[in-house]
Amino acid sequence: MSTIMELDGEQAAARVDELAEVLRDCVEGGASVGFMLPLAEGRPEAFWRKVAADVAAGQRHLFVAEDGDGRICGTLSLVIDMPDNQPHRADVSKMLVHRRARRQGLAERLLKALEAKARELGRTTLVLDTVTGSDASRVYERLGWQRAGDIPNYALMPDGPFCSTTYYFKSP
């Protein structure tokens, strides 16, 4: 059974290699999460070091799923660094589940932990985007996220073709 936990900035910085492995696996598995193949040497680690710094600065909350061996196998972020006119809003970012840990309910458990944190922080509007028709989109819809709309040719898949993205929102 996996464990869901929130990491502070120091914990995130200490586990950059594990976080990078999850990101690498997802991108190599075809997930459009902001990175292209081939992944540049050190690029996933640099990304997670920045995330750890954002967590330490209070701009983001980072949730992870650990497998039975205590290794990170999933991640999800709540970005709370918003403009002054949006103190009630937060962005959901980088839901990643390693291919070896999929179909075990981790995405749902990560989202529920994130939504609980958002409620605790008084964030009443959550926003996210994902590849249209992806496995993630089905998870969001099953958990009550409302579809706001699709944008064609929004991003690229890791191997180059365009993909559409769908925006979702929820009041946790």
C-alpha atoms as a PDB file:
ATOM      1  CA  MET A   1       0.000   0.000   0.000  1.00  0.00           C
ATOM      2  CA  SER A   2       1.304   3.418  -0.879  1.00  0.00           C
ATOM      3  CA  THR A   3       1.439   6.415   1.421  1.00  0.00           C
ATOM      4  CA  ILE A   4       0.448   9.968   0.471  1.00  0.00           C
ATOM      5  CA  MET A   5       2.339  12.774   2.184  1.00  0.00           C
ATOM      6  CA  GLU A   6       3.181  16.436   1.806  1.00  0.00           C
ATOM      7  CA  LEU A   7       6.871  17.330   1.580  1.00  0.00           C
ATOM      8  CA  ASP A   8       8.415  20.532   2.856  1.00  0.00           C
ATOM      9  CA  GLY A   9      11.128  22.289   0.866  1.00  0.00           C
ATOM     10  CA  GLU A  10      13.995  20.526   2.621  1.00  0.00           C
ATOM     11  CA  GLN A  11      12.410  17.097   2.140  1.00  0.00           C
ATOM     12  CA  ALA A  12      11.724  17.847  -1.532  1.00  0.00           C
ATOM     13  CA  ALA A  13      15.320  18.985  -2.083  1.00  0.00           C
ATOM     14  CA  ALA A  14      16.603  15.785  -0.484  1.00  0.00           C
ATOM     15  CA  ARG A  15      14.477  13.653  -2.823  1.00  0.00           C
ATOM     16  CA  VAL A  16      15.134  15.400  -6.149  1.00  0.00           C
ATOM     17  CA  ASP A  17      16.546  12.216  -7.696  1.00  0.00           C
ATOM     18  CA  GLU A  18      13.402  10.205  -6.908  1.00  0.00           C
ATOM     19  CA  LEU A  19      11.145  12.993  -8.176  1.00  0.00           C
ATOM     20  CA  ALA A  20      13.239  13.256 -11.340  1.00  0.00           C
ATOM     21  CA  GLU A  21      12.869   9.515 -11.942  1.00  0.00           C
ATOM     22  CA  VAL A  22       9.059   9.809 -11.829  1.00  0.00           C
ATOM     23  CA  LEU A  23       9.136  12.750 -14.249  1.00  0.00           C
ATOM     24  CA  ARG A  24      11.569  10.943 -16.558  1.00  0.00           C
ATOM     25  CA  ASP A  25       9.372   7.821 -16.593  1.00  0.00           C
ATOM     26  CA  CYS A  26       6.234   9.812 -17.391  1.00  0.00           C
ATOM     27  CA  VAL A  27       7.841  11.765 -20.235  1.00  0.00           C
ATOM     28  CA  GLU A  28       9.442   8.629 -21.669  1.00  0.00           C
ATOM     29  CA  GLY A  29       6.006   7.004 -21.434  1.00  0.00           C
ATOM     30  CA  GLY A  30       4.509   9.752 -23.612  1.00  0.00           C
ATOM     31  CA  ALA A  31       3.076  12.232 -21.067  1.00  0.00           C
ATOM     32  CA  SER A  32       2.892  15.829 -22.252  1.00  0.00           C
ATOM     33  CA  VAL A  33       3.951  17.570 -19.048  1.00  0.00           C
ATOM     34  CA  GLY A  34       6.176  20.333 -20.376  1.00  0.00           C
ATOM     35  CA  PHE A  35       9.246  18.358 -21.433  1.00  0.00           C
ATOM     36  CA  MET A  36      10.456  17.018 -24.759  1.00  0.00           C
ATOM     37  CA  LEU A  37      12.345  13.872 -25.717  1.00  0.00           C
ATOM     38  CA  PRO A  38      15.121  13.239 -25.462  1.00  0.00           C
ATOM     39  CA  LEU A  39      15.267  14.764 -21.999  1.00  0.00           C
ATOM     40  CA  ALA A  40      18.374  16.890 -21.613  1.00  0.00           C
ATOM     41  CA  GLU A  41      20.823  15.615 -19.007  1.00  0.00           C
ATOM     42  CA  GLY A  42      19.961  17.120 -15.625  1.00  0.00           C
ATOM     43  CA  ARG A  43      16.745  18.788 -16.844  1.00  0.00           C
ATOM     44  CA  PRO A  44      14.357  16.801 -14.574  1.00  0.00           C
ATOM     45  CA  GLU A  45      16.598  17.393 -11.551  1.00  0.00           C
ATOM     46  CA  ALA A  46      16.776  21.135 -12.285  1.00  0.00           C
ATOM     47  CA  PHE A  47      12.986  21.276 -12.511  1.00  0.00           C
ATOM     48  CA  TRP A  48      12.556  19.556  -9.136  1.00  0.00           C
ATOM     49  CA  ARG A  49      15.192  21.742  -7.465  1.00  0.00           C
ATOM     50  CA  LYS A  50      13.111  24.768  -8.531  1.00  0.00           C
ATOM     51  CA  VAL A  51       9.953  23.112  -7.211  1.00  0.00           C
ATOM     52  CA  ALA A  52      11.710  22.430  -3.890  1.00  0.00           C
ATOM     53  CA  ALA A  53      12.726  26.112  -3.722  1.00  0.00           C
ATOM     54  CA  ASP A  54       9.112  27.162  -4.445  1.00  0.00           C
ATOM     55  CA  VAL A  55       7.900  24.866  -1.661  1.00  0.00           C
ATOM     56  CA  ALA A  56      10.478  26.324   0.744  1.00  0.00           C
ATOM     57  CA  ALA A  57       9.353  29.839  -0.254  1.00  0.00           C
ATOM     58  CA  GLY A  58       5.708  29.025   0.503  1.00  0.00           C
ATOM     59  CA  GLN A  59       4.615  29.353  -3.127  1.00  0.00           C
ATOM     60  CA  ARG A  60       3.672  25.724  -3.655  1.00  0.00           C
ATOM     61  CA  HIS A  61       2.643  22.603  -1.737  1.00  0.00           C
ATOM     62  CA  LEU A  62       4.090  19.304  -2.962  1.00  0.00           C
ATOM     63  CA  PHE A  63       2.386  15.969  -2.394  1.00  0.00           C
ATOM     64  CA  VAL A  64       3.969  12.607  -3.113  1.00  0.00           C
ATOM     65  CA  ALA A  65       2.936   8.982  -3.125  1.00  0.00           C
ATOM     66  CA  GLU A  66       5.465   6.511  -1.750  1.00  0.00           C
ATOM     67  CA  ASP A  67       5.407   2.837  -2.668  1.00  0.00           C
ATOM     68  CA  GLY A  68       5.824   0.017  -0.145  1.00  0.00           C
ATOM     69  CA  ASP A  69       9.609   0.454  -0.324  1.00  0.00           C
ATOM     70  CA  GLY A  70       9.378   4.138   0.587  1.00  0.00           C
ATOM     71  CA  ARG A  71      10.271   5.328  -2.940  1.00  0.00           C
ATOM     72  CA  ILE A  72       8.362   8.178  -4.564  1.00  0.00           C
ATOM     73  CA  CYS A  73       6.051   6.848  -7.278  1.00  0.00           C
ATOM     74  CA  GLY A  74       3.706   9.825  -7.766  1.00  0.00           C
ATOM     75  CA  THR A  75       3.545  13.595  -7.333  1.00  0.00           C
ATOM     76  CA  LEU A  76       1.108  16.501  -7.438  1.00  0.00           C
ATOM     77  CA  SER A  77       1.516  20.212  -6.657  1.00  0.00           C
ATOM     78  CA  LEU A  78      -0.789  22.948  -5.416  1.00  0.00           C
ATOM     79  CA  VAL A  79       0.570  26.277  -6.676  1.00  0.00           C
ATOM     80  CA  ILE A  80      -0.630  29.082  -4.411  1.00  0.00           C
ATOM     81  CA  ASP A  81       1.552  31.920  -5.716  1.00  0.00           C
ATOM     82  CA  MET A  82      -1.267  33.852  -7.402  1.00  0.00           C
ATOM     83  CA  PRO A  83      -1.801  37.482  -8.429  1.00  0.00           C
ATOM     84  CA  ASP A  84      -3.161  39.858  -5.784  1.00  0.00           C
ATOM     85  CA  ASN A  85      -6.677  39.718  -7.236  1.00  0.00           C
ATOM     86  CA  GLN A  86      -6.815  35.891  -6.963  1.00  0.00           C
ATOM     87  CA  PRO A  87      -6.131  35.049  -3.307  1.00  0.00           C
ATOM     88  CA  HIS A  88      -8.940  32.481  -3.428  1.00  0.00           C
ATOM     89  CA  ARG A  89      -7.471  30.499  -6.353  1.00  0.00           C
ATOM     90  CA  ALA A  90      -4.722  27.909  -6.828  1.00  0.00           C
ATOM     91  CA  ASP A  91      -3.350  25.896  -9.739  1.00  0.00           C
ATOM     92  CA  VAL A  92      -2.970  22.140  -9.722  1.00  0.00           C
ATOM     93  CA  SER A  93       0.258  21.102 -11.397  1.00  0.00           C
ATOM     94  CA  LYS A  94       2.286  18.059 -12.441  1.00  0.00           C
ATOM     95  CA  MET A  95       0.186  15.086 -11.482  1.00  0.00           C
ATOM     96  CA  LEU A  96       2.687  12.356 -12.302  1.00  0.00           C
ATOM     97  CA  VAL A  97       2.407   8.666 -11.501  1.00  0.00           C
ATOM     98  CA  HIS A  98       5.228   6.307 -12.424  1.00  0.00           C
ATOM     99  CA  ARG A  99       4.082   3.627 -14.886  1.00  0.00           C
ATOM    100  CA  ARG A 100       4.918   0.895 -12.350  1.00  0.00           C
ATOM    101  CA  ALA A 101       2.406   2.395  -9.887  1.00  0.00           C
ATOM    102  CA  ARG A 102      -0.570   3.201 -12.110  1.00  0.00           C
ATOM    103  CA  ARG A 103      -4.090   1.797 -11.752  1.00  0.00           C
ATOM    104  CA  GLN A 104      -3.761   1.685  -7.955  1.00  0.00           C
ATOM    105  CA  GLY A 105      -5.780   4.806  -7.108  1.00  0.00           C
ATOM    106  CA  LEU A 106      -2.744   7.030  -6.478  1.00  0.00           C
ATOM    107  CA  ALA A 107      -3.950   9.904  -8.662  1.00  0.00           C
ATOM    108  CA  GLU A 108      -7.255   9.993  -6.799  1.00  0.00           C
ATOM    109  CA  ARG A 109      -5.566   9.873  -3.404  1.00  0.00           C
ATOM    110  CA  LEU A 110      -3.098  12.602  -4.388  1.00  0.00           C
ATOM    111  CA  LEU A 111      -5.948  14.805  -5.610  1.00  0.00           C
ATOM    112  CA  LYS A 112      -7.961  14.284  -2.424  1.00  0.00           C
ATOM    113  CA  ALA A 113      -4.949  15.262  -0.280  1.00  0.00           C
ATOM    114  CA  LEU A 114      -4.392  18.343  -2.436  1.00  0.00           C
ATOM    115  CA  GLU A 115      -8.061  19.343  -2.266  1.00  0.00           C
ATOM    116  CA  ALA A 116      -8.022  19.004   1.542  1.00  0.00           C
ATOM    117  CA  LYS A 117      -4.979  21.314   1.692  1.00  0.00           C
ATOM    118  CA  ALA A 118      -6.705  23.798  -0.627  1.00  0.00           C
ATOM    119  CA  ARG A 119      -9.759  23.869   1.671  1.00  0.00           C
ATOM    120  CA  GLU A 120      -7.482  24.344   4.689  1.00  0.00           C
ATOM    121  CA  LEU A 121      -5.845  27.313   2.932  1.00  0.00           C
ATOM    122  CA  GLY A 122      -9.188  28.854   1.893  1.00  0.00           C
ATOM    123  CA  ARG A 123      -8.551  28.275  -1.803  1.00  0.00           C
ATOM    124  CA  THR A 124     -12.056  27.985  -3.246  1.00  0.00           C
ATOM    125  CA  THR A 125     -11.241  27.781  -6.958  1.00  0.00           C
ATOM    126  CA  LEU A 126      -8.783  25.223  -8.296  1.00  0.00           C
ATOM    127  CA  VAL A 127      -7.704  25.157 -11.960  1.00  0.00           C
ATOM    128  CA  LEU A 128      -5.722  22.614 -13.977  1.00  0.00           C
ATOM    129  CA  ASP A 129      -5.106  21.525 -17.534  1.00  0.00           C
ATOM    130  CA  THR A 130      -4.340  18.161 -19.083  1.00  0.00           C
ATOM    131  CA  VAL A 131      -4.104  16.544 -22.498  1.00  0.00           C
ATOM    132  CA  THR A 132      -7.602  16.187 -23.939  1.00  0.00           C
ATOM    133  CA  GLY A 133      -8.875  12.635 -23.604  1.00  0.00           C
ATOM    134  CA  SER A 134      -5.955  11.490 -21.435  1.00  0.00           C
ATOM    135  CA  ASP A 135      -6.194   9.021 -18.565  1.00  0.00           C
ATOM    136  CA  ALA A 136      -5.800  12.009 -16.249  1.00  0.00           C
ATOM    137  CA  SER A 137      -8.841  13.735 -17.768  1.00  0.00           C
ATOM    138  CA  ARG A 138     -10.966  10.706 -16.910  1.00  0.00           C
ATOM    139  CA  VAL A 139      -9.705  10.802 -13.318  1.00  0.00           C
ATOM    140  CA  TYR A 140     -10.547  14.503 -12.984  1.00  0.00           C
ATOM    141  CA  GLU A 141     -14.023  14.052 -14.409  1.00  0.00           C
ATOM    142  CA  ARG A 142     -14.727  11.053 -12.177  1.00  0.00           C
ATOM    143  CA  LEU A 143     -13.760  13.169  -9.155  1.00  0.00           C
ATOM    144  CA  GLY A 144     -16.123  16.012 -10.025  1.00  0.00           C
ATOM    145  CA  TRP A 145     -13.845  18.435 -11.847  1.00  0.00           C
ATOM    146  CA  GLN A 146     -15.793  20.571 -14.323  1.00  0.00           C
ATOM    147  CA  ARG A 147     -14.572  20.894 -17.879  1.00  0.00           C
ATOM    148  CA  ALA A 148     -14.077  24.529 -18.879  1.00  0.00           C
ATOM    149  CA  GLY A 149     -13.031  23.876 -22.481  1.00  0.00           C
ATOM    150  CA  ASP A 150     -10.436  22.631 -24.916  1.00  0.00           C
ATOM    151  CA  ILE A 151      -7.655  24.478 -26.709  1.00  0.00           C
ATOM    152  CA  PRO A 152      -6.431  22.745 -29.888  1.00  0.00           C
ATOM    153  CA  ASN A 153      -2.702  22.569 -30.657  1.00  0.00           C
ATOM    154  CA  TYR A 154      -1.925  23.886 -27.180  1.00  0.00           C
ATOM    155  CA  ALA A 155       1.292  21.953 -26.594  1.00  0.00           C
ATOM    156  CA  LEU A 156       3.488  19.239 -28.014  1.00  0.00           C
ATOM    157  CA  MET A 157       3.674  15.611 -27.047  1.00  0.00           C
ATOM    158  CA  PRO A 158       7.195  14.620 -25.924  1.00  0.00           C
ATOM    159  CA  ASP A 159       7.905  13.113 -29.348  1.00  0.00           C
ATOM    160  CA  GLY A 160       6.740  16.181 -31.300  1.00  0.00           C
ATOM    161  CA  PRO A 161       3.098  16.098 -32.472  1.00  0.00           C
ATOM    162  CA  PHE A 162       0.639  18.775 -31.319  1.00  0.00           C
ATOM    163  CA  CYS A 163      -1.929  17.952 -28.662  1.00  0.00           C
ATOM    164  CA  SER A 164      -5.068  19.635 -27.426  1.00  0.00           C
ATOM    165  CA  THR A 165      -5.457  20.548 -23.771  1.00  0.00           C
ATOM    166  CA  THR A 166      -8.560  20.629 -21.627  1.00  0.00           C
ATOM    167  CA  TYR A 167      -8.973  23.065 -18.729  1.00  0.00           C
ATOM    168  CA  TYR A 168     -10.827  21.952 -15.604  1.00  0.00           C
ATOM    169  CA  PHE A 169     -11.892  23.737 -12.431  1.00  0.00           C
ATOM    170  CA  LYS A 170     -13.308  22.741  -9.080  1.00  0.00           C
ATOM    171  CA  SER A 171     -14.380  24.235  -5.795  1.00  0.00           C
ATOM    172  CA  PRO A 172     -12.923  21.794  -3.259  1.00  0.00           C
END
